[in-house]
Amino acid sequence: MKTTYKYGLLEIISQDNRDILKFNHSSGRVTFEIVYKKDGSALIDKAYWQQSGFGAPIKGNQESLWKSFYLKIKDKLH
C-alpha cells in the first residue's frame, strides 16, 4: 500500500519496505530513497537532485549519503 505525507516542502512516500523523501525548494528538489531490510537496518538506495529541469544522482558511500540526509532533515526541522 502506498501512502503519501506532506509537511510543508517535505514530501514522504511510503510503500512496502521503501520510503521516498523529497526535499522541495523554490526551483528544484533533493530526493532520497531509503530501503528497510528485514534485519531492521536501512540503507539509502538512491539519492538525486533536480534543479530547473536538470538533475543527476548524488554519488557517495552510505556514510556520506546519510550525512547529507541528516543535514536536510535538520534544515527542515528548524
PDB file of N, CA and C in Angstrom:
ATOM      1  N   MET A   1       0.823  -1.170   0.000  1.00  0.00           N
ATOM      2  CA  MET A   1       0.000   0.000   0.000  1.00  0.00           C
ATOM      3  C   MET A   1       0.878   1.248   0.000  1.00  0.00           C
ATOM      4  N   LYS A   2       0.529   2.220  -0.810  1.00  0.00           N
ATOM      5  CA  LYS A   2       1.298   3.445  -0.960  1.00  0.00           C
ATOM      6  C   LYS A   2       0.632   4.568  -0.166  1.00  0.00           C
ATOM      7  N   THR A   3       1.423   5.261   0.662  1.00  0.00           N
ATOM      8  CA  THR A   3       0.924   6.358   1.474  1.00  0.00           C
ATOM      9  C   THR A   3       1.813   7.569   1.263  1.00  0.00           C
ATOM     10  N   THR A   4       1.196   8.743   1.111  1.00  0.00           N
ATOM     11  CA  THR A   4       1.938   9.977   0.905  1.00  0.00           C
ATOM     12  C   THR A   4       1.634  10.958   2.029  1.00  0.00           C
ATOM     13  N   TYR A   5       2.689  11.552   2.570  1.00  0.00           N
ATOM     14  CA  TYR A   5       2.577  12.572   3.611  1.00  0.00           C
ATOM     15  C   TYR A   5       3.250  13.831   3.095  1.00  0.00           C
ATOM     16  N   LYS A   6       2.683  14.983   3.422  1.00  0.00           N
ATOM     17  CA  LYS A   6       3.299  16.260   3.057  1.00  0.00           C
ATOM     18  C   LYS A   6       3.413  17.123   4.300  1.00  0.00           C
ATOM     19  N   TYR A   7       4.619  17.627   4.536  1.00  0.00           N
ATOM     20  CA  TYR A   7       4.915  18.517   5.646  1.00  0.00           C
ATOM     21  C   TYR A   7       5.598  19.754   5.075  1.00  0.00           C
ATOM     22  N   GLY A   8       4.821  20.744   4.684  1.00  0.00           N
ATOM     23  CA  GLY A   8       5.402  21.928   4.062  1.00  0.00           C
ATOM     24  C   GLY A   8       6.085  21.552   2.758  1.00  0.00           C
ATOM     25  N   LEU A   9       7.371  21.801   2.672  1.00  0.00           N
ATOM     26  CA  LEU A   9       8.128  21.491   1.453  1.00  0.00           C
ATOM     27  C   LEU A   9       8.738  20.096   1.461  1.00  0.00           C
ATOM     28  N   LEU A  10       8.414  19.284   2.480  1.00  0.00           N
ATOM     29  CA  LEU A  10       8.897  17.907   2.570  1.00  0.00           C
ATOM     30  C   LEU A  10       7.759  16.959   2.207  1.00  0.00           C
ATOM     31  N   GLU A  11       8.021  16.042   1.298  1.00  0.00           N
ATOM     32  CA  GLU A  11       7.039  15.031   0.908  1.00  0.00           C
ATOM     33  C   GLU A  11       7.632  13.647   1.157  1.00  0.00           C
ATOM     34  N   ILE A  12       6.845  12.768   1.794  1.00  0.00           N
ATOM     35  CA  ILE A  12       7.295  11.407   2.085  1.00  0.00           C
ATOM     36  C   ILE A  12       6.313  10.434   1.443  1.00  0.00           C
ATOM     37  N   ILE A  13       6.844   9.530   0.644  1.00  0.00           N
ATOM     38  CA  ILE A  13       6.035   8.492   0.013  1.00  0.00           C
ATOM     39  C   ILE A  13       6.510   7.158   0.570  1.00  0.00           C
ATOM     40  N   SER A  14       5.617   6.451   1.271  1.00  0.00           N
ATOM     41  CA  SER A  14       5.944   5.157   1.883  1.00  0.00           C
ATOM     42  C   SER A  14       5.232   4.045   1.131  1.00  0.00           C
ATOM     43  N   GLN A  15       5.986   3.010   0.807  1.00  0.00           N
ATOM     44  CA  GLN A  15       5.403   1.846   0.140  1.00  0.00           C
ATOM     45  C   GLN A  15       6.247   0.623   0.462  1.00  0.00           C
ATOM     46  N   ASP A  16       5.594  -0.400   1.029  1.00  0.00           N
ATOM     47  CA  ASP A  16       6.263  -1.650   1.406  1.00  0.00           C
ATOM     48  C   ASP A  16       7.475  -1.356   2.295  1.00  0.00           C
ATOM     49  N   ASN A  17       8.661  -1.748   1.855  1.00  0.00           N
ATOM     50  CA  ASN A  17       9.870  -1.564   2.657  1.00  0.00           C
ATOM     51  C   ASN A  17      10.700  -0.364   2.178  1.00  0.00           C
ATOM     52  N   ARG A  18      10.061   0.629   1.560  1.00  0.00           N
ATOM     53  CA  ARG A  18      10.770   1.753   0.957  1.00  0.00           C
ATOM     54  C   ARG A  18      10.076   3.065   1.303  1.00  0.00           C
ATOM     55  N   ASP A  19      10.878   4.075   1.649  1.00  0.00           N
ATOM     56  CA  ASP A  19      10.398   5.445   1.813  1.00  0.00           C
ATOM     57  C   ASP A  19      11.133   6.330   0.822  1.00  0.00           C
ATOM     58  N   ILE A  20      10.404   7.213   0.183  1.00  0.00           N
ATOM     59  CA  ILE A  20      10.995   8.212  -0.703  1.00  0.00           C
ATOM     60  C   ILE A  20      10.751   9.569  -0.056  1.00  0.00           C
ATOM     61  N   LEU A  21      11.827  10.287   0.244  1.00  0.00           N
ATOM     62  CA  LEU A  21      11.724  11.601   0.867  1.00  0.00           C
ATOM     63  C   LEU A  21      12.172  12.649  -0.132  1.00  0.00           C
ATOM     64  N   LYS A  22      11.289  13.607  -0.390  1.00  0.00           N
ATOM     65  CA  LYS A  22      11.573  14.677  -1.341  1.00  0.00           C
ATOM     66  C   LYS A  22      11.643  15.992  -0.582  1.00  0.00           C
ATOM     67  N   PHE A  23      12.795  16.625  -0.629  1.00  0.00           N
ATOM     68  CA  PHE A  23      13.013  17.930  -0.019  1.00  0.00           C
ATOM     69  C   PHE A  23      12.884  18.966  -1.132  1.00  0.00           C
ATOM     70  N   ASN A  24      11.755  19.617  -1.201  1.00  0.00           N
ATOM     71  CA  ASN A  24      11.486  20.580  -2.263  1.00  0.00           C
ATOM     72  C   ASN A  24      11.968  21.970  -1.863  1.00  0.00           C
ATOM     73  N   HIS A  25      12.376  22.740  -2.866  1.00  0.00           N
ATOM     74  CA  HIS A  25      12.705  24.146  -2.651  1.00  0.00           C
ATOM     75  C   HIS A  25      12.244  24.921  -3.874  1.00  0.00           C
ATOM     76  N   SER A  26      12.535  26.174  -3.944  1.00  0.00           N
ATOM     77  CA  SER A  26      11.913  27.057  -4.935  1.00  0.00           C
ATOM     78  C   SER A  26      12.019  26.566  -6.376  1.00  0.00           C
ATOM     79  N   SER A  27      13.146  26.049  -6.787  1.00  0.00           N
ATOM     80  CA  SER A  27      13.285  25.659  -8.193  1.00  0.00           C
ATOM     81  C   SER A  27      13.776  24.225  -8.384  1.00  0.00           C
ATOM     82  N   GLY A  28      13.626  23.394  -7.368  1.00  0.00           N
ATOM     83  CA  GLY A  28      14.085  22.019  -7.521  1.00  0.00           C
ATOM     84  C   GLY A  28      13.817  21.195  -6.290  1.00  0.00           C
ATOM     85  N   ARG A  29      14.536  20.062  -6.223  1.00  0.00           N
ATOM     86  CA  ARG A  29      14.349  19.172  -5.075  1.00  0.00           C
ATOM     87  C   ARG A  29      15.529  18.211  -4.963  1.00  0.00           C
ATOM     88  N   VAL A  30      15.690  17.693  -3.740  1.00  0.00           N
ATOM     89  CA  VAL A  30      16.650  16.631  -3.449  1.00  0.00           C
ATOM     90  C   VAL A  30      15.821  15.444  -2.960  1.00  0.00           C
ATOM     91  N   THR A  31      16.088  14.258  -3.500  1.00  0.00           N
ATOM     92  CA  THR A  31      15.304  13.067  -3.181  1.00  0.00           C
ATOM     93  C   THR A  31      16.210  11.961  -2.657  1.00  0.00           C
ATOM     94  N   PHE A  32      15.753  11.305  -1.592  1.00  0.00           N
ATOM     95  CA  PHE A  32      16.439  10.146  -1.038  1.00  0.00           C
ATOM     96  C   PHE A  32      15.465   8.976  -1.027  1.00  0.00           C
ATOM     97  N   GLU A  33      15.891   7.820  -1.502  1.00  0.00           N
ATOM     98  CA  GLU A  33      15.088   6.597  -1.431  1.00  0.00           C
ATOM     99  C   GLU A  33      15.737   5.684  -0.399  1.00  0.00           C
ATOM    100  N   ILE A  34      14.991   5.413   0.664  1.00  0.00           N
ATOM    101  CA  ILE A  34      15.505   4.603   1.770  1.00  0.00           C
ATOM    102  C   ILE A  34      14.820   3.241   1.750  1.00  0.00           C
ATOM    103  N   VAL A  35      15.629   2.185   1.825  1.00  0.00           N
ATOM    104  CA  VAL A  35      15.122   0.812   1.829  1.00  0.00           C
ATOM    105  C   VAL A  35      15.396   0.211   3.208  1.00  0.00           C
ATOM    106  N   TYR A  36      14.376  -0.427   3.773  1.00  0.00           N
ATOM    107  CA  TYR A  36      14.486  -1.075   5.082  1.00  0.00           C
ATOM    108  C   TYR A  36      14.626  -2.578   4.878  1.00  0.00           C
ATOM    109  N   LYS A  37      15.652  -3.144   5.511  1.00  0.00           N
ATOM    110  CA  LYS A  37      15.905  -4.581   5.397  1.00  0.00           C
ATOM    111  C   LYS A  37      15.188  -5.337   6.500  1.00  0.00           C
ATOM    112  N   LYS A  38      15.078  -6.645   6.331  1.00  0.00           N
ATOM    113  CA  LYS A  38      14.404  -7.490   7.323  1.00  0.00           C
ATOM    114  C   LYS A  38      15.125  -7.502   8.664  1.00  0.00           C
ATOM    115  N   ASP A  39      16.430  -7.264   8.670  1.00  0.00           N
ATOM    116  CA  ASP A  39      17.186  -7.265   9.922  1.00  0.00           C
ATOM    117  C   ASP A  39      17.049  -5.953  10.700  1.00  0.00           C
ATOM    118  N   GLY A  40      16.228  -5.025  10.200  1.00  0.00           N
ATOM    119  CA  GLY A  40      15.996  -3.753  10.879  1.00  0.00           C
ATOM    120  C   GLY A  40      16.892  -2.623  10.432  1.00  0.00           C
ATOM    121  N   SER A  41      17.859  -2.914   9.595  1.00  0.00           N
ATOM    122  CA  SER A  41      18.749  -1.863   9.116  1.00  0.00           C
ATOM    123  C   SER A  41      18.114  -1.130   7.926  1.00  0.00           C
ATOM    124  N   ALA A  42      18.673   0.002   7.598  1.00  0.00           N
ATOM    125  CA  ALA A  42      18.182   0.798   6.474  1.00  0.00           C
ATOM    126  C   ALA A  42      19.377   1.284   5.665  1.00  0.00           C
ATOM    127  N   LEU A  43      19.174   1.434   4.371  1.00  0.00           N
ATOM    128  CA  LEU A  43      20.220   1.989   3.528  1.00  0.00           C
ATOM    129  C   LEU A  43      19.594   2.942   2.515  1.00  0.00           C
ATOM    130  N   ILE A  44      20.382   3.909   2.111  1.00  0.00           N
ATOM    131  CA  ILE A  44      19.931   4.825   1.071  1.00  0.00           C
ATOM    132  C   ILE A  44      20.219   4.149  -0.255  1.00  0.00           C
ATOM    133  N   ASP A  45      19.146   3.753  -0.947  1.00  0.00           N
ATOM    134  CA  ASP A  45      19.267   3.038  -2.205  1.00  0.00           C
ATOM    135  C   ASP A  45      19.618   3.991  -3.341  1.00  0.00           C
ATOM    136  N   LYS A  46      18.965   5.150  -3.370  1.00  0.00           N
ATOM    137  CA  LYS A  46      19.219   6.155  -4.405  1.00  0.00           C
ATOM    138  C   LYS A  46      19.123   7.530  -3.785  1.00  0.00           C
ATOM    139  N   ALA A  47      19.893   8.457  -4.300  1.00  0.00           N
ATOM    140  CA  ALA A  47      19.803   9.858  -3.916  1.00  0.00           C
ATOM    141  C   ALA A  47      20.073  10.675  -5.173  1.00  0.00           C
ATOM    142  N   TYR A  48      19.272  11.690  -5.393  1.00  0.00           N
ATOM    143  CA  TYR A  48      19.477  12.513  -6.577  1.00  0.00           C
ATOM    144  C   TYR A  48      18.919  13.910  -6.367  1.00  0.00           C
ATOM    145  N   TRP A  49      19.354  14.822  -7.212  1.00  0.00           N
ATOM    146  CA  TRP A  49      18.912  16.204  -7.143  1.00  0.00           C
ATOM    147  C   TRP A  49      18.326  16.611  -8.493  1.00  0.00           C
ATOM    148  N   GLN A  50      17.460  17.596  -8.457  1.00  0.00           N
ATOM    149  CA  GLN A  50      16.875  18.154  -9.672  1.00  0.00           C
ATOM    150  C   GLN A  50      16.766  19.658  -9.468  1.00  0.00           C
ATOM    151  N   GLN A  51      17.218  20.424 -10.451  1.00  0.00           N
ATOM    152  CA  GLN A  51      17.193  21.888 -10.359  1.00  0.00           C
ATOM    153  C   GLN A  51      16.832  22.456 -11.716  1.00  0.00           C
ATOM    154  N   SER A  52      15.727  23.138 -11.802  1.00  0.00           N
ATOM    155  CA  SER A  52      15.291  23.811 -13.034  1.00  0.00           C
ATOM    156  C   SER A  52      15.354  22.899 -14.257  1.00  0.00           C
ATOM    157  N   GLY A  53      14.876  21.663 -14.127  1.00  0.00           N
ATOM    158  CA  GLY A  53      14.827  20.736 -15.249  1.00  0.00           C
ATOM    159  C   GLY A  53      16.074  19.889 -15.430  1.00  0.00           C
ATOM    160  N   PHE A  54      17.129  20.158 -14.697  1.00  0.00           N
ATOM    161  CA  PHE A  54      18.352  19.361 -14.762  1.00  0.00           C
ATOM    162  C   PHE A  54      18.476  18.549 -13.486  1.00  0.00           C
ATOM    163  N   GLY A  55      19.176  17.442 -13.566  1.00  0.00           N
ATOM    164  CA  GLY A  55      19.354  16.629 -12.376  1.00  0.00           C
ATOM    165  C   GLY A  55      20.391  15.554 -12.574  1.00  0.00           C
ATOM    166  N   ALA A  56      20.755  14.912 -11.468  1.00  0.00           N
ATOM    167  CA  ALA A  56      21.758  13.848 -11.511  1.00  0.00           C
ATOM    168  C   ALA A  56      21.737  13.101 -10.181  1.00  0.00           C
ATOM    169  N   PRO A  57      22.283  11.888 -10.182  1.00  0.00           N
ATOM    170  CA  PRO A  57      22.405  11.153  -8.919  1.00  0.00           C
ATOM    171  C   PRO A  57      23.382  11.860  -7.983  1.00  0.00           C
ATOM    172  N   ILE A  58      23.175  11.684  -6.691  1.00  0.00           N
ATOM    173  CA  ILE A  58      24.140  12.146  -5.696  1.00  0.00           C
ATOM    174  C   ILE A  58      25.023  10.941  -5.402  1.00  0.00           C
ATOM    175  N   LYS A  59      26.287  11.071  -5.670  1.00  0.00           N
ATOM    176  CA  LYS A  59      27.226   9.962  -5.501  1.00  0.00           C
ATOM    177  C   LYS A  59      27.827   9.975  -4.101  1.00  0.00           C
ATOM    178  N   GLY A  60      28.203   8.819  -3.629  1.00  0.00           N
ATOM    179  CA  GLY A  60      28.876   8.712  -2.345  1.00  0.00           C
ATOM    180  C   GLY A  60      28.585   7.381  -1.683  1.00  0.00           C
ATOM    181  N   ASN A  61      29.344   7.097  -0.642  1.00  0.00           N
ATOM    182  CA  ASN A  61      29.110   5.874   0.122  1.00  0.00           C
ATOM    183  C   ASN A  61      27.967   6.116   1.100  1.00  0.00           C
ATOM    184  N   GLN A  62      27.546   5.104   1.806  1.00  0.00           N
ATOM    185  CA  GLN A  62      26.414   5.225   2.718  1.00  0.00           C
ATOM    186  C   GLN A  62      26.655   6.290   3.790  1.00  0.00           C
ATOM    187  N   GLU A  63      27.876   6.378   4.283  1.00  0.00           N
ATOM    188  CA  GLU A  63      28.170   7.357   5.331  1.00  0.00           C
ATOM    189  C   GLU A  63      27.961   8.787   4.831  1.00  0.00           C
ATOM    190  N   SER A  64      28.462   9.099   3.645  1.00  0.00           N
ATOM    191  CA  SER A  64      28.296  10.457   3.128  1.00  0.00           C
ATOM    192  C   SER A  64      26.850  10.739   2.736  1.00  0.00           C
ATOM    193  N   LEU A  65      26.128   9.726   2.233  1.00  0.00           N
ATOM    194  CA  LEU A  65      24.718   9.917   1.883  1.00  0.00           C
ATOM    195  C   LEU A  65      23.875  10.148   3.135  1.00  0.00           C
ATOM    196  N   TRP A  66      24.141   9.396   4.207  1.00  0.00           N
ATOM    197  CA  TRP A  66      23.394   9.589   5.456  1.00  0.00           C
ATOM    198  C   TRP A  66      23.697  10.949   6.056  1.00  0.00           C
ATOM    199  N   LYS A  67      24.934  11.421   5.942  1.00  0.00           N
ATOM    200  CA  LYS A  67      25.282  12.752   6.457  1.00  0.00           C
ATOM    201  C   LYS A  67      24.502  13.822   5.704  1.00  0.00           C
ATOM    202  N   SER A  68      24.447  13.707   4.392  1.00  0.00           N
ATOM    203  CA  SER A  68      23.681  14.651   3.573  1.00  0.00           C
ATOM    204  C   SER A  68      22.200  14.600   3.942  1.00  0.00           C
ATOM    205  N   PHE A  69      21.667  13.389   4.129  1.00  0.00           N
ATOM    206  CA  PHE A  69      20.267  13.212   4.511  1.00  0.00           C
ATOM    207  C   PHE A  69      20.004  13.863   5.870  1.00  0.00           C
ATOM    208  N   TYR A  70      20.881  13.632   6.828  1.00  0.00           N
ATOM    209  CA  TYR A  70      20.746  14.219   8.164  1.00  0.00           C
ATOM    210  C   TYR A  70      20.700  15.744   8.098  1.00  0.00           C
ATOM    211  N   LEU A  71      21.572  16.335   7.295  1.00  0.00           N
ATOM    212  CA  LEU A  71      21.595  17.789   7.172  1.00  0.00           C
ATOM    213  C   LEU A  71      20.299  18.319   6.555  1.00  0.00           C
ATOM    214  N   LYS A  72      19.725  17.598   5.611  1.00  0.00           N
ATOM    215  CA  LYS A  72      18.450  18.012   5.022  1.00  0.00           C
ATOM    216  C   LYS A  72      17.323  17.927   6.048  1.00  0.00           C
ATOM    217  N   ILE A  73      17.283  16.844   6.822  1.00  0.00           N
ATOM    218  CA  ILE A  73      16.259  16.701   7.867  1.00  0.00           C
ATOM    219  C   ILE A  73      16.420  17.815   8.902  1.00  0.00           C
ATOM    220  N   LYS A  74      17.644  18.056   9.344  1.00  0.00           N
ATOM    221  CA  LYS A  74      17.910  19.096  10.342  1.00  0.00           C
ATOM    222  C   LYS A  74      17.469  20.455   9.827  1.00  0.00           C
ATOM    223  N   ASP A  75      17.742  20.736   8.565  1.00  0.00           N
ATOM    224  CA  ASP A  75      17.360  22.010   7.956  1.00  0.00           C
ATOM    225  C   ASP A  75      15.834  22.166   7.910  1.00  0.00           C
ATOM    226  N   LYS A  76      15.105  21.098   7.621  1.00  0.00           N
ATOM    227  CA  LYS A  76      13.645  21.154   7.512  1.00  0.00           C
ATOM    228  C   LYS A  76      12.977  21.293   8.870  1.00  0.00           C
ATOM    229  N   LEU A  77      13.625  20.798   9.932  1.00  0.00           N
ATOM    230  CA  LEU A  77      13.033  20.861  11.263  1.00  0.00           C
ATOM    231  C   LEU A  77      13.179  22.228  11.904  1.00  0.00           C
ATOM    232  N   HIS A  78      14.077  23.056  11.398  1.00  0.00           N
ATOM    233  CA  HIS A  78      14.295  24.377  12.001  1.00  0.00           C
ATOM    234  C   HIS A  78      13.736  25.482  11.160  1.00  0.00           C
TER     235      HIS A  78
END
